[in-house]
Amino acid sequence: MNALARPHPATIKKIFHPSDLTEASEAAFRHALKVAQVAQADLTLLHVAQNDGAHWSEFPGVRQCLERWRLIPHGSGRDAIKNLGLTVQKILVHSDDILRACLHYLDRHPSELIVLATQQRESRAPWPQLGDLDANHRNGGQMTLFLPEAAGGFVYASDGAVHLRRILVAISAQPDPQLAVDAAARLAHTLGIAVIEFTLVHVGEDASMPQVRTPTIPGWSWRYEIRQGDIAGEILAAIAERYADLVVMATDGLHGFLDALRGHVTERILHESRCPVLTVPASSAP
């Protein structure tokens, strides 16, 4: 099946990472920082403290990480970060409701990419308090990169190298499959990936395989795969078989990253995937 031509994607310029200051969120932090560094983007780090003991010094060390990656000299000052074209803002909020605090910030300061760590061991819901949310919280249109605790991800901790060679894009007639294709291409373009293989996976009949438009970029290849069976199970199997570095999915809803946490298919993939998961809500469609 031949895909239709698609213009080159835009780069990501606003990134949001809520940190719980735990080891589990370290991978999410370095992915957020790497995307921001390569794209010369604005990065906001938000920590919601549930007690008065939290301190600024507990935030992830941006300069220390950039020094370890040899992007700035050891012992550099704040100006070294600005010289990279990178803007980092750290925000400390005291609240008993972590989720509402994050949503409140996003309502006022929309971001193009949210980067989150997910907990896979204790429950199937990576974030707490997903039940009764105010309908005014509609932070749709924002891609969300989930870093499962069992996945090291595609940004190496030691030197910041990006290993993103195989992206699996799950597509179906609904939600709009073009959203997932565009999100995958946008992240790869933002990171400056020169050679990459995209596999568009559709679980269903041949006749129901949706047609999408893909950008024509030298070094990028696009292939299709049709599978039959349980949707989540087949996507997980394809991730393992293709040794995917990232899986991308569109979600059906108006509440941004929360929709990925509520849907049966995406929730199961978040719970069982051993690679990062990028989601984009259907509300991002024009």
C-alpha atoms as a PDB file:
ATOM      1  CA  MET A   1       0.000   0.000   0.000  1.00  0.00           C
ATOM      2  CA  ASN A   2       1.421   3.363  -1.014  1.00  0.00           C
ATOM      3  CA  ALA A   3       1.073   6.224   1.429  1.00  0.00           C
ATOM      4  CA  LEU A   4       0.259   9.751   0.303  1.00  0.00           C
ATOM      5  CA  ALA A   5       2.889  12.476   0.535  1.00  0.00           C
ATOM      6  CA  ARG A   6       3.033  14.536   3.744  1.00  0.00           C
ATOM      7  CA  PRO A   7       4.927  17.804   4.395  1.00  0.00           C
ATOM      8  CA  HIS A   8       7.919  17.769   6.728  1.00  0.00           C
ATOM      9  CA  PRO A   9       6.787  17.901  10.384  1.00  0.00           C
ATOM     10  CA  ALA A  10       7.406  20.864  12.676  1.00  0.00           C
ATOM     11  CA  THR A  11       9.757  20.596  15.649  1.00  0.00           C
ATOM     12  CA  ILE A  12       8.567  20.543  19.256  1.00  0.00           C
ATOM     13  CA  LYS A  13       9.228  23.762  21.176  1.00  0.00           C
ATOM     14  CA  LYS A  14       7.396  23.476  24.529  1.00  0.00           C
ATOM     15  CA  ILE A  15       7.923  20.492  26.838  1.00  0.00           C
ATOM     16  CA  PHE A  16       6.456  19.747  30.258  1.00  0.00           C
ATOM     17  CA  HIS A  17       7.791  17.181  32.729  1.00  0.00           C
ATOM     18  CA  PRO A  18       6.216  16.643  36.159  1.00  0.00           C
ATOM     19  CA  SER A  19       8.746  14.948  38.428  1.00  0.00           C
ATOM     20  CA  ASP A  20       8.090  13.044  41.639  1.00  0.00           C
ATOM     21  CA  LEU A  21      11.829  13.226  42.411  1.00  0.00           C
ATOM     22  CA  THR A  22      12.127   9.439  42.427  1.00  0.00           C
ATOM     23  CA  GLU A  23      14.436   7.087  40.576  1.00  0.00           C
ATOM     24  CA  ALA A  24      11.494   5.995  38.420  1.00  0.00           C
ATOM     25  CA  SER A  25      11.141   9.488  36.964  1.00  0.00           C
ATOM     26  CA  GLU A  26      14.849   9.829  36.079  1.00  0.00           C
ATOM     27  CA  ALA A  27      14.377   8.242  32.661  1.00  0.00           C
ATOM     28  CA  ALA A  28      11.453  10.543  31.906  1.00  0.00           C
ATOM     29  CA  PHE A  29      13.542  13.542  32.952  1.00  0.00           C
ATOM     30  CA  ARG A  30      16.454  12.707  30.658  1.00  0.00           C
ATOM     31  CA  HIS A  31      14.087  12.140  27.702  1.00  0.00           C
ATOM     32  CA  ALA A  32      12.412  15.498  28.311  1.00  0.00           C
ATOM     33  CA  LEU A  33      15.795  17.190  28.627  1.00  0.00           C
ATOM     34  CA  LYS A  34      17.199  15.537  25.498  1.00  0.00           C
ATOM     35  CA  VAL A  35      14.244  16.529  23.323  1.00  0.00           C
ATOM     36  CA  ALA A  36      14.466  20.090  24.667  1.00  0.00           C
ATOM     37  CA  GLN A  37      18.231  20.236  24.145  1.00  0.00           C
ATOM     38  CA  VAL A  38      18.144  18.998  20.546  1.00  0.00           C
ATOM     39  CA  ALA A  39      15.143  21.162  19.641  1.00  0.00           C
ATOM     40  CA  GLN A  40      16.411  24.212  21.582  1.00  0.00           C
ATOM     41  CA  ALA A  41      13.024  24.222  23.249  1.00  0.00           C
ATOM     42  CA  ASP A  42      11.462  25.496  26.475  1.00  0.00           C
ATOM     43  CA  LEU A  43      11.415  22.852  29.224  1.00  0.00           C
ATOM     44  CA  THR A  44       9.289  23.175  32.361  1.00  0.00           C
ATOM     45  CA  LEU A  45      10.015  20.882  35.325  1.00  0.00           C
ATOM     46  CA  LEU A  46       7.182  20.777  37.861  1.00  0.00           C
ATOM     47  CA  HIS A  47       7.294  19.100  41.253  1.00  0.00           C
ATOM     48  CA  VAL A  48       4.145  18.897  43.352  1.00  0.00           C
ATOM     49  CA  ALA A  49       5.182  18.600  46.995  1.00  0.00           C
ATOM     50  CA  GLN A  50       2.724  17.086  49.462  1.00  0.00           C
ATOM     51  CA  ASN A  51       4.701  18.368  52.440  1.00  0.00           C
ATOM     52  CA  ASP A  52       6.738  21.439  53.358  1.00  0.00           C
ATOM     53  CA  GLY A  53      10.042  19.578  53.323  1.00  0.00           C
ATOM     54  CA  ALA A  54      10.626  19.746  49.554  1.00  0.00           C
ATOM     55  CA  HIS A  55      13.479  21.965  48.370  1.00  0.00           C
ATOM     56  CA  TRP A  56      14.705  23.275  45.023  1.00  0.00           C
ATOM     57  CA  SER A  57      17.921  21.306  45.414  1.00  0.00           C
ATOM     58  CA  GLU A  58      15.928  18.077  45.045  1.00  0.00           C
ATOM     59  CA  PHE A  59      15.011  18.839  41.427  1.00  0.00           C
ATOM     60  CA  PRO A  60      16.794  16.802  38.742  1.00  0.00           C
ATOM     61  CA  GLY A  61      20.180  18.328  38.001  1.00  0.00           C
ATOM     62  CA  VAL A  62      19.961  19.843  34.532  1.00  0.00           C
ATOM     63  CA  ARG A  63      23.528  21.152  34.456  1.00  0.00           C
ATOM     64  CA  GLN A  64      24.914  17.948  35.966  1.00  0.00           C
ATOM     65  CA  CYS A  65      23.161  15.901  33.278  1.00  0.00           C
ATOM     66  CA  LEU A  66      24.376  18.155  30.461  1.00  0.00           C
ATOM     67  CA  GLU A  67      27.891  17.966  31.888  1.00  0.00           C
ATOM     68  CA  ARG A  68      27.727  14.169  31.977  1.00  0.00           C
ATOM     69  CA  TRP A  69      26.659  14.256  28.329  1.00  0.00           C
ATOM     70  CA  ARG A  70      29.647  16.534  27.610  1.00  0.00           C
ATOM     71  CA  LEU A  71      27.448  19.238  26.157  1.00  0.00           C
ATOM     72  CA  ILE A  72      28.742  21.847  28.610  1.00  0.00           C
ATOM     73  CA  PRO A  73      32.034  21.985  30.575  1.00  0.00           C
ATOM     74  CA  HIS A  74      32.191  20.640  34.120  1.00  0.00           C
ATOM     75  CA  GLY A  75      31.337  23.289  36.695  1.00  0.00           C
ATOM     76  CA  SER A  76      29.441  25.458  34.202  1.00  0.00           C
ATOM     77  CA  GLY A  77      27.120  28.248  35.298  1.00  0.00           C
ATOM     78  CA  ARG A  78      23.566  28.916  34.189  1.00  0.00           C
ATOM     79  CA  ASP A  79      24.684  30.807  31.093  1.00  0.00           C
ATOM     80  CA  ALA A  80      26.037  27.565  29.650  1.00  0.00           C
ATOM     81  CA  ILE A  81      22.488  26.209  29.399  1.00  0.00           C
ATOM     82  CA  LYS A  82      21.316  29.351  27.611  1.00  0.00           C
ATOM     83  CA  ASN A  83      24.224  29.053  25.201  1.00  0.00           C
ATOM     84  CA  LEU A  84      22.775  25.709  24.103  1.00  0.00           C
ATOM     85  CA  GLY A  85      19.583  27.508  23.139  1.00  0.00           C
ATOM     86  CA  LEU A  86      17.775  25.694  25.949  1.00  0.00           C
ATOM     87  CA  THR A  87      15.413  27.355  28.414  1.00  0.00           C
ATOM     88  CA  VAL A  88      14.609  25.485  31.651  1.00  0.00           C
ATOM     89  CA  GLN A  89      12.038  26.567  34.229  1.00  0.00           C
ATOM     90  CA  LYS A  90      11.648  24.778  37.578  1.00  0.00           C
ATOM     91  CA  ILE A  91       8.364  25.147  39.473  1.00  0.00           C
ATOM     92  CA  LEU A  92       7.660  23.884  42.994  1.00  0.00           C
ATOM     93  CA  VAL A  93       3.980  23.617  43.979  1.00  0.00           C
ATOM     94  CA  HIS A  94       2.597  22.542  47.355  1.00  0.00           C
ATOM     95  CA  SER A  95      -0.612  20.536  46.980  1.00  0.00           C
ATOM     96  CA  ASP A  96      -2.249  17.334  48.213  1.00  0.00           C
ATOM     97  CA  ASP A  97      -3.604  16.637  44.722  1.00  0.00           C
ATOM     98  CA  ILE A  98      -0.757  15.945  42.311  1.00  0.00           C
ATOM     99  CA  LEU A  99      -2.922  15.385  39.246  1.00  0.00           C
ATOM    100  CA  ARG A 100      -5.040  18.509  39.654  1.00  0.00           C
ATOM    101  CA  ALA A 101      -1.935  20.629  40.221  1.00  0.00           C
ATOM    102  CA  CYS A 102      -0.434  19.396  36.952  1.00  0.00           C
ATOM    103  CA  LEU A 103      -3.665  19.906  35.042  1.00  0.00           C
ATOM    104  CA  HIS A 104      -4.069  23.383  36.493  1.00  0.00           C
ATOM    105  CA  TYR A 105      -0.618  24.318  35.213  1.00  0.00           C
ATOM    106  CA  LEU A 106      -1.282  22.822  31.769  1.00  0.00           C
ATOM    107  CA  ASP A 107      -4.592  24.669  31.487  1.00  0.00           C
ATOM    108  CA  ARG A 108      -2.708  27.949  31.816  1.00  0.00           C
ATOM    109  CA  HIS A 109       0.503  26.931  30.058  1.00  0.00           C
ATOM    110  CA  PRO A 110      -0.195  24.437  27.241  1.00  0.00           C
ATOM    111  CA  SER A 111       2.770  22.329  26.148  1.00  0.00           C
ATOM    112  CA  GLU A 112       3.332  20.482  22.905  1.00  0.00           C
ATOM    113  CA  LEU A 113       4.882  17.449  24.618  1.00  0.00           C
ATOM    114  CA  ILE A 114       4.336  16.050  28.114  1.00  0.00           C
ATOM    115  CA  VAL A 115       6.866  13.508  29.398  1.00  0.00           C
ATOM    116  CA  LEU A 116       5.735  11.226  32.230  1.00  0.00           C
ATOM    117  CA  ALA A 117       7.103   8.269  34.150  1.00  0.00           C
ATOM    118  CA  THR A 118       4.641   5.422  34.697  1.00  0.00           C
ATOM    119  CA  GLN A 119       4.533   2.856  37.483  1.00  0.00           C
ATOM    120  CA  GLN A 120       3.864  -0.662  36.208  1.00  0.00           C
ATOM    121  CA  ARG A 121       4.258  -2.837  39.282  1.00  0.00           C
ATOM    122  CA  GLU A 122       1.693  -1.615  41.804  1.00  0.00           C
ATOM    123  CA  SER A 123      -1.401  -0.977  39.715  1.00  0.00           C
ATOM    124  CA  ARG A 124      -2.634  -0.734  36.181  1.00  0.00           C
ATOM    125  CA  ALA A 125      -3.216   3.021  36.543  1.00  0.00           C
ATOM    126  CA  PRO A 126       0.082   4.893  36.226  1.00  0.00           C
ATOM    127  CA  TRP A 127      -1.375   8.061  37.780  1.00  0.00           C
ATOM    128  CA  PRO A 128      -3.603   8.424  40.841  1.00  0.00           C
ATOM    129  CA  GLN A 129      -6.987  10.094  41.127  1.00  0.00           C
ATOM    130  CA  LEU A 130      -8.286   9.622  37.596  1.00  0.00           C
ATOM    131  CA  GLY A 131     -11.919   9.451  38.592  1.00  0.00           C
ATOM    132  CA  ASP A 132     -13.836  12.652  39.172  1.00  0.00           C
ATOM    133  CA  LEU A 133     -12.092  15.376  37.209  1.00  0.00           C
ATOM    134  CA  ASP A 134     -13.464  18.798  36.431  1.00  0.00           C
ATOM    135  CA  ALA A 135     -14.736  18.898  32.858  1.00  0.00           C
ATOM    136  CA  ASN A 136     -12.870  22.184  32.383  1.00  0.00           C
ATOM    137  CA  HIS A 137      -9.579  20.266  32.339  1.00  0.00           C
ATOM    138  CA  ARG A 138      -9.299  19.664  28.617  1.00  0.00           C
ATOM    139  CA  ASN A 139      -5.594  19.736  27.952  1.00  0.00           C
ATOM    140  CA  GLY A 140      -6.043  18.065  24.583  1.00  0.00           C
ATOM    141  CA  GLY A 141      -3.731  18.416  21.624  1.00  0.00           C
ATOM    142  CA  GLN A 142      -0.629  17.632  23.648  1.00  0.00           C
ATOM    143  CA  MET A 143       1.438  14.592  22.827  1.00  0.00           C
ATOM    144  CA  THR A 144       2.472  12.564  25.853  1.00  0.00           C
ATOM    145  CA  LEU A 145       5.586  10.411  26.077  1.00  0.00           C
ATOM    146  CA  PHE A 146       5.208   7.737  28.765  1.00  0.00           C
ATOM    147  CA  LEU A 147       8.355   6.109  30.152  1.00  0.00           C
ATOM    148  CA  PRO A 148       7.455   2.752  31.769  1.00  0.00           C
ATOM    149  CA  GLU A 149       9.625   1.983  34.777  1.00  0.00           C
ATOM    150  CA  ALA A 150      10.809  -1.262  33.143  1.00  0.00           C
ATOM    151  CA  ALA A 151      12.022   0.582  30.040  1.00  0.00           C
ATOM    152  CA  GLY A 152      15.335   2.353  29.865  1.00  0.00           C
ATOM    153  CA  GLY A 153      14.067   4.277  26.868  1.00  0.00           C
ATOM    154  CA  PHE A 154      15.871   5.525  23.788  1.00  0.00           C
ATOM    155  CA  VAL A 155      18.012   8.219  25.462  1.00  0.00           C
ATOM    156  CA  TYR A 156      21.098   6.733  27.105  1.00  0.00           C
ATOM    157  CA  ALA A 157      21.783   7.979  30.636  1.00  0.00           C
ATOM    158  CA  SER A 158      25.570   7.849  30.295  1.00  0.00           C
ATOM    159  CA  ASP A 159      26.103  10.136  27.319  1.00  0.00           C
ATOM    160  CA  GLY A 160      22.666  11.319  26.153  1.00  0.00           C
ATOM    161  CA  ALA A 161      22.924   9.404  22.877  1.00  0.00           C
ATOM    162  CA  VAL A 162      19.595   8.796  21.144  1.00  0.00           C
ATOM    163  CA  HIS A 163      18.911   5.237  19.977  1.00  0.00           C
ATOM    164  CA  LEU A 164      15.680   5.550  18.021  1.00  0.00           C
ATOM    165  CA  ARG A 165      15.768   3.278  14.984  1.00  0.00           C
ATOM    166  CA  ARG A 166      12.420   1.491  14.943  1.00  0.00           C
ATOM    167  CA  ILE A 167       9.063   3.144  15.666  1.00  0.00           C
ATOM    168  CA  LEU A 168       5.850   1.129  15.691  1.00  0.00           C
ATOM    169  CA  VAL A 169       2.707   3.158  14.944  1.00  0.00           C
ATOM    170  CA  ALA A 170      -0.618   1.528  15.842  1.00  0.00           C
ATOM    171  CA  ILE A 171      -3.333   2.703  13.454  1.00  0.00           C
ATOM    172  CA  SER A 172      -7.052   2.079  13.077  1.00  0.00           C
ATOM    173  CA  ALA A 173      -9.975   3.845  11.431  1.00  0.00           C
ATOM    174  CA  GLN A 174     -10.832   5.548  14.733  1.00  0.00           C
ATOM    175  CA  PRO A 175      -9.373   7.597  16.269  1.00  0.00           C
ATOM    176  CA  ASP A 176      -7.855   9.390  13.285  1.00  0.00           C
ATOM    177  CA  PRO A 177      -4.740   7.354  12.389  1.00  0.00           C
ATOM    178  CA  GLN A 178      -3.093  10.390  10.805  1.00  0.00           C
ATOM    179  CA  LEU A 179      -2.612  11.834  14.288  1.00  0.00           C
ATOM    180  CA  ALA A 180      -0.390   8.929  15.329  1.00  0.00           C
ATOM    181  CA  VAL A 181       1.624   9.045  12.100  1.00  0.00           C
ATOM    182  CA  ASP A 182       2.167  12.791  12.444  1.00  0.00           C
ATOM    183  CA  ALA A 183       3.165  12.458  16.115  1.00  0.00           C
ATOM    184  CA  ALA A 184       5.721   9.756  15.320  1.00  0.00           C
ATOM    185  CA  ALA A 185       7.211  11.802  12.498  1.00  0.00           C
ATOM    186  CA  ARG A 186       7.257  14.983  14.567  1.00  0.00           C
ATOM    187  CA  LEU A 187       9.215  13.413  17.432  1.00  0.00           C
ATOM    188  CA  ALA A 188      11.689  11.756  15.076  1.00  0.00           C
ATOM    189  CA  HIS A 189      12.160  15.018  13.168  1.00  0.00           C
ATOM    190  CA  THR A 190      12.589  16.998  16.392  1.00  0.00           C
ATOM    191  CA  LEU A 191      15.324  14.609  17.525  1.00  0.00           C
ATOM    192  CA  GLY A 192      17.043  14.856  14.158  1.00  0.00           C
ATOM    193  CA  ILE A 193      16.865  11.126  13.410  1.00  0.00           C
ATOM    194  CA  ALA A 194      18.431  10.560   9.981  1.00  0.00           C
ATOM    195  CA  VAL A 195      17.746   6.839   9.505  1.00  0.00           C
ATOM    196  CA  ILE A 196      14.624   5.198  10.910  1.00  0.00           C
ATOM    197  CA  GLU A 197      12.040   2.535  10.121  1.00  0.00           C
ATOM    198  CA  PHE A 198       8.367   3.181  10.824  1.00  0.00           C
ATOM    199  CA  THR A 199       6.050   0.183  10.962  1.00  0.00           C
ATOM    200  CA  LEU A 200       2.346   1.011  10.703  1.00  0.00           C
ATOM    201  CA  VAL A 201       0.455  -1.807  12.432  1.00  0.00           C
ATOM    202  CA  HIS A 202      -3.258  -2.340  11.884  1.00  0.00           C
ATOM    203  CA  VAL A 203      -5.160  -5.050  13.770  1.00  0.00           C
ATOM    204  CA  GLY A 204      -8.179  -6.018  11.672  1.00  0.00           C
ATOM    205  CA  GLU A 205      -9.206  -6.991   8.174  1.00  0.00           C
ATOM    206  CA  ASP A 206      -7.229  -5.967   5.096  1.00  0.00           C
ATOM    207  CA  ALA A 207     -10.124  -3.893   3.803  1.00  0.00           C
ATOM    208  CA  SER A 208     -10.237  -1.813   6.988  1.00  0.00           C
ATOM    209  CA  MET A 209      -6.593  -0.735   6.762  1.00  0.00           C
ATOM    210  CA  PRO A 210      -6.737   3.096   6.810  1.00  0.00           C
ATOM    211  CA  GLN A 211      -4.778   5.195   4.332  1.00  0.00           C
ATOM    212  CA  VAL A 212      -2.465   7.812   5.796  1.00  0.00           C
ATOM    213  CA  ARG A 213      -0.013  10.423   4.525  1.00  0.00           C
ATOM    214  CA  THR A 214       3.660  10.087   5.405  1.00  0.00           C
ATOM    215  CA  PRO A 215       6.535  12.551   4.955  1.00  0.00           C
ATOM    216  CA  THR A 216       9.095  11.683   2.305  1.00  0.00           C
ATOM    217  CA  ILE A 217      12.444  12.126   4.019  1.00  0.00           C
ATOM    218  CA  PRO A 218      15.698  10.464   2.861  1.00  0.00           C
ATOM    219  CA  GLY A 219      16.652   7.701   5.284  1.00  0.00           C
ATOM    220  CA  TRP A 220      13.090   7.248   6.562  1.00  0.00           C
ATOM    221  CA  SER A 221      11.202   4.089   5.529  1.00  0.00           C
ATOM    222  CA  TRP A 222       7.535   3.257   6.044  1.00  0.00           C
ATOM    223  CA  ARG A 223       6.102  -0.245   6.022  1.00  0.00           C
ATOM    224  CA  TYR A 224       2.656  -1.686   6.745  1.00  0.00           C
ATOM    225  CA  GLU A 225       1.691  -4.738   8.761  1.00  0.00           C
ATOM    226  CA  ILE A 226      -1.806  -6.184   9.164  1.00  0.00           C
ATOM    227  CA  ARG A 227      -2.547  -8.543  12.042  1.00  0.00           C
ATOM    228  CA  GLN A 228      -5.645 -10.349  13.326  1.00  0.00           C
ATOM    229  CA  GLY A 229      -6.601 -10.960  16.942  1.00  0.00           C
ATOM    230  CA  ASP A 230      -6.829  -9.085  20.210  1.00  0.00           C
ATOM    231  CA  ILE A 231      -5.805  -5.479  19.528  1.00  0.00           C
ATOM    232  CA  ALA A 232      -3.672  -4.857  22.616  1.00  0.00           C
ATOM    233  CA  GLY A 233      -2.160  -8.345  22.495  1.00  0.00           C
ATOM    234  CA  GLU A 234      -1.207  -8.044  18.835  1.00  0.00           C
ATOM    235  CA  ILE A 235       0.326  -4.595  19.300  1.00  0.00           C
ATOM    236  CA  LEU A 236       2.392  -5.872  22.219  1.00  0.00           C
ATOM    237  CA  ALA A 237       3.485  -8.856  20.150  1.00  0.00           C
ATOM    238  CA  ALA A 238       4.489  -6.581  17.270  1.00  0.00           C
ATOM    239  CA  ILE A 239       6.503  -4.381  19.658  1.00  0.00           C
ATOM    240  CA  ALA A 240       8.475  -7.438  20.787  1.00  0.00           C
ATOM    241  CA  GLU A 241       8.915  -8.913  17.306  1.00  0.00           C
ATOM    242  CA  ARG A 242      10.088  -5.639  15.773  1.00  0.00           C
ATOM    243  CA  TYR A 243      12.306  -4.721  18.734  1.00  0.00           C
ATOM    244  CA  ALA A 244      10.545  -1.360  18.703  1.00  0.00           C
ATOM    245  CA  ASP A 245      12.247   1.560  20.423  1.00  0.00           C
ATOM    246  CA  LEU A 246       8.934   3.433  20.637  1.00  0.00           C
ATOM    247  CA  VAL A 247       5.242   2.761  20.074  1.00  0.00           C
ATOM    248  CA  VAL A 248       2.886   5.565  19.008  1.00  0.00           C
ATOM    249  CA  MET A 249      -0.909   5.601  19.366  1.00  0.00           C
ATOM    250  CA  ALA A 250      -3.807   8.032  18.988  1.00  0.00           C
ATOM    251  CA  THR A 251      -6.322   8.178  21.837  1.00  0.00           C
ATOM    252  CA  ASP A 252     -10.002   8.982  21.595  1.00  0.00           C
ATOM    253  CA  GLY A 253     -10.990  11.812  23.927  1.00  0.00           C
ATOM    254  CA  LEU A 254     -10.634  15.416  25.055  1.00  0.00           C
ATOM    255  CA  HIS A 255      -8.468  15.176  28.147  1.00  0.00           C
ATOM    256  CA  GLY A 256      -4.958  14.815  26.770  1.00  0.00           C
ATOM    257  CA  PHE A 257      -2.760  12.287  28.530  1.00  0.00           C
ATOM    258  CA  LEU A 258      -5.644  11.189  30.789  1.00  0.00           C
ATOM    259  CA  ASP A 259      -7.338   9.463  27.859  1.00  0.00           C
ATOM    260  CA  ALA A 260      -4.361   7.123  27.497  1.00  0.00           C
ATOM    261  CA  LEU A 261      -4.755   6.143  31.140  1.00  0.00           C
ATOM    262  CA  ARG A 262      -8.443   5.291  30.805  1.00  0.00           C
ATOM    263  CA  GLY A 263      -8.690   3.403  27.522  1.00  0.00           C
ATOM    264  CA  HIS A 264      -8.513  -0.382  27.741  1.00  0.00           C
ATOM    265  CA  VAL A 265      -6.042  -0.842  24.875  1.00  0.00           C
ATOM    266  CA  THR A 266      -3.675   2.008  25.694  1.00  0.00           C
ATOM    267  CA  GLU A 267      -3.828   1.286  29.432  1.00  0.00           C
ATOM    268  CA  ARG A 268      -2.804  -2.325  28.853  1.00  0.00           C
ATOM    269  CA  ILE A 269       0.022  -1.308  26.537  1.00  0.00           C
ATOM    270  CA  LEU A 270       1.272   1.230  29.089  1.00  0.00           C
ATOM    271  CA  HIS A 271       1.167  -1.486  31.728  1.00  0.00           C
ATOM    272  CA  GLU A 272       2.940  -4.181  29.711  1.00  0.00           C
ATOM    273  CA  SER A 273       5.141  -2.402  27.164  1.00  0.00           C
ATOM    274  CA  ARG A 274       8.896  -2.570  27.599  1.00  0.00           C
ATOM    275  CA  CYS A 275       9.464   0.484  25.435  1.00  0.00           C
ATOM    276  CA  PRO A 276       8.263   4.100  25.714  1.00  0.00           C
ATOM    277  CA  VAL A 277       4.752   4.932  24.501  1.00  0.00           C
ATOM    278  CA  LEU A 278       3.856   8.182  22.720  1.00  0.00           C
ATOM    279  CA  THR A 279       0.151   9.092  22.663  1.00  0.00           C
ATOM    280  CA  VAL A 280      -1.701  11.910  20.938  1.00  0.00           C
ATOM    281  CA  PRO A 281      -5.368  12.726  21.689  1.00  0.00           C
ATOM    282  CA  ALA A 282      -8.002  12.946  18.986  1.00  0.00           C
ATOM    283  CA  SER A 283      -8.798  16.471  20.179  1.00  0.00           C
ATOM    284  CA  SER A 284      -5.606  17.642  18.477  1.00  0.00           C
ATOM    285  CA  ALA A 285      -7.364  17.337  15.129  1.00  0.00           C
ATOM    286  CA  PRO A 286      -8.296  20.694  13.552  1.00  0.00           C
END
